[in-house]
């Protein structure tokens, strides 16, 4: 089974100039914990709810003037739609991430979440291993 078979093609994203407040509200309304930062369809970075807490709130930054470009992680791990879902699960476990942007030629076309993999019986063990590693904070 390929990533394209389980990915979500409706992806919420923000721009580098998006405010942290707007990003947090989008996370809340969409019930998601990470959002790709894009310029057009090109993925430039990703922001997690944890990034907002640790890099803005805990550091006492002004939430009104801080934008996506100020805290985004620009080392984004992605997959392509033709990659096998087993490989996506392995990548999630290795990098301790729950959502992977799906790109084609540098353009975002979807997102695959750990939950997407867990819905397929054949991948429950891999997804479970990935979640276990994420939850325990395992490092390599």
Protein backbone atom coordinates (compact mmCIF):
# COMPACT_ATOMS: atom_id res chain seq x y z
CA UNK A 1 0.00 0.00 0.00
CA UNK A 2 1.27 3.45 -0.91
CA UNK A 3 1.17 6.73 1.01
CA UNK A 4 -1.31 8.11 -1.58
CA UNK A 5 -3.81 5.45 -0.43
CA UNK A 6 -3.95 6.77 3.15
CA UNK A 7 -2.87 10.43 2.99
CA UNK A 8 -5.15 13.41 3.45
CA UNK A 9 -5.08 15.66 0.41
CA UNK A 10 -6.76 18.62 2.16
CA UNK A 11 -3.83 20.20 3.98
CA UNK A 12 -3.99 23.20 6.27
CA UNK A 13 -0.87 25.32 5.86
CA UNK A 14 0.38 28.76 6.83
CA UNK A 15 2.77 31.27 5.28
CA UNK A 16 6.08 32.39 6.80
CA UNK A 17 4.45 35.67 7.84
CA UNK A 18 1.46 34.03 9.57
CA UNK A 19 1.16 35.10 13.20
CA UNK A 20 1.56 32.63 16.03
CA UNK A 21 -1.92 33.54 17.28
CA UNK A 22 -3.45 32.70 13.88
CA UNK A 23 -1.47 29.45 13.71
CA UNK A 24 -2.61 28.42 17.19
CA UNK A 25 -6.23 29.20 16.31
CA UNK A 26 -5.96 27.17 13.10
CA UNK A 27 -4.50 24.25 15.08
CA UNK A 28 -7.40 24.47 17.51
CA UNK A 29 -10.13 24.73 14.88
CA UNK A 30 -8.64 21.93 12.76
CA UNK A 31 -7.70 19.81 15.81
CA UNK A 32 -4.11 19.35 14.62
CA UNK A 33 -0.76 19.68 16.34
CA UNK A 34 1.46 20.60 13.41
CA UNK A 35 1.12 22.74 10.32
CA UNK A 36 3.38 23.02 7.28
CA UNK A 37 4.72 26.49 6.47
CA UNK A 38 4.47 27.01 2.72
CA UNK A 39 5.18 29.65 0.11
CA UNK A 40 2.69 28.80 -2.60
CA UNK A 41 2.81 24.99 -2.63
CA UNK A 42 6.48 24.76 -1.62
CA UNK A 43 7.13 23.47 1.90
CA UNK A 44 9.57 25.74 3.74
CA UNK A 45 9.10 24.44 7.26
CA UNK A 46 6.76 23.01 9.84
CA UNK A 47 5.45 24.28 13.17
CA UNK A 48 4.15 22.14 16.00
CA UNK A 49 2.09 23.11 19.01
CA UNK A 50 5.16 22.19 21.04
CA UNK A 51 7.24 24.73 19.08
CA UNK A 52 4.75 27.43 20.04
CA UNK A 53 4.89 26.50 23.72
CA UNK A 54 8.67 26.13 23.97
CA UNK A 55 9.90 28.82 21.59
CA UNK A 56 7.28 31.50 22.13
CA UNK A 57 5.46 31.13 25.43
CA UNK A 58 8.27 29.64 27.55
CA UNK A 59 10.77 32.14 26.11
CA UNK A 60 8.40 35.04 26.82
CA UNK A 61 8.25 36.19 23.20
CA UNK A 62 5.48 38.52 22.11
CA UNK A 63 2.77 36.30 20.61
CA UNK A 64 1.43 39.19 18.56
CA UNK A 65 4.71 39.96 16.78
CA UNK A 66 6.16 36.46 16.43
CA UNK A 67 5.52 34.83 13.09
CA UNK A 68 5.89 31.38 11.55
CA UNK A 69 9.31 32.16 10.06
CA UNK A 70 10.62 32.99 13.55
CA UNK A 71 10.03 29.53 15.01
CA UNK A 72 9.46 27.08 12.13
CA UNK A 73 11.67 24.03 11.76
CA UNK A 74 13.08 24.30 8.26
CA UNK A 75 14.47 20.75 8.28
CA UNK A 76 11.21 19.16 7.22
CA UNK A 77 11.02 15.40 6.78
CA UNK A 78 8.71 14.54 3.88
CA UNK A 79 7.57 11.51 1.92
CA UNK A 80 6.27 11.10 -1.62
CA UNK A 81 2.89 9.67 -2.50
CA UNK A 82 4.43 6.59 -4.12
CA UNK A 83 6.42 5.58 -1.05
CA UNK A 84 5.23 2.50 0.79
CA UNK A 85 3.27 3.09 4.00
CA UNK A 86 5.71 0.80 5.84
CA UNK A 87 8.47 3.26 4.95
CA UNK A 88 6.35 6.19 6.18
CA UNK A 89 5.81 4.39 9.51
CA UNK A 90 9.55 3.71 9.81
CA UNK A 91 10.34 7.39 9.13
CA UNK A 92 7.82 8.50 11.77
CA UNK A 93 9.40 6.17 14.32
CA UNK A 94 12.95 7.20 13.43
CA UNK A 95 12.29 10.94 13.59
CA UNK A 96 9.63 10.76 16.34
CA UNK A 97 7.01 12.62 14.34
CA UNK A 98 3.28 12.06 13.93
CA UNK A 99 2.62 13.85 10.63
CA UNK A 100 4.59 13.83 7.39
CA UNK A 101 3.98 16.27 4.56
CA UNK A 102 3.61 14.45 1.24
CA UNK A 103 5.42 16.22 -1.59
CA UNK A 104 5.92 15.80 -5.31
CA UNK A 105 8.79 17.78 -6.85
CA UNK A 106 8.97 19.98 -3.76
CA UNK A 107 5.25 20.84 -3.79
CA UNK A 108 2.93 19.75 -0.99
CA UNK A 109 0.11 17.49 -2.16
CA UNK A 110 -1.03 15.98 1.13
CA UNK A 111 -0.18 14.90 4.63
CA UNK A 112 -0.01 11.48 6.22
CA UNK A 113 -0.59 11.15 9.95
CA UNK A 114 0.27 8.36 12.32
CA UNK A 115 -3.47 7.77 12.72
CA UNK A 116 -3.80 7.24 8.96
CA UNK A 117 -1.37 4.32 9.22
CA UNK A 118 -2.99 2.91 12.34
CA UNK A 119 -6.33 2.56 10.52
CA UNK A 120 -4.85 -0.10 8.27
CA UNK A 121 -4.65 -3.40 10.19
CA UNK A 122 -1.45 -4.43 8.51
CA UNK A 123 0.32 -1.33 9.79
CA UNK A 124 -0.88 -1.29 13.38
CA UNK A 125 2.36 -2.75 14.75
CA UNK A 126 4.56 -0.28 12.88
CA UNK A 127 2.34 2.66 13.80
CA UNK A 128 2.25 1.46 17.39
CA UNK A 129 6.03 1.22 17.44
CA UNK A 130 6.27 4.73 16.01
CA UNK A 131 3.86 6.13 18.60
CA UNK A 132 5.64 4.29 21.38
CA UNK A 133 8.95 5.82 20.33
CA UNK A 134 7.40 9.28 20.08
CA UNK A 135 5.66 9.01 23.44
CA UNK A 136 8.73 7.72 25.25
CA UNK A 137 11.03 10.27 23.64
CA UNK A 138 13.40 7.60 22.34
CA UNK A 139 16.54 9.02 20.75
CA UNK A 140 19.04 7.55 18.34
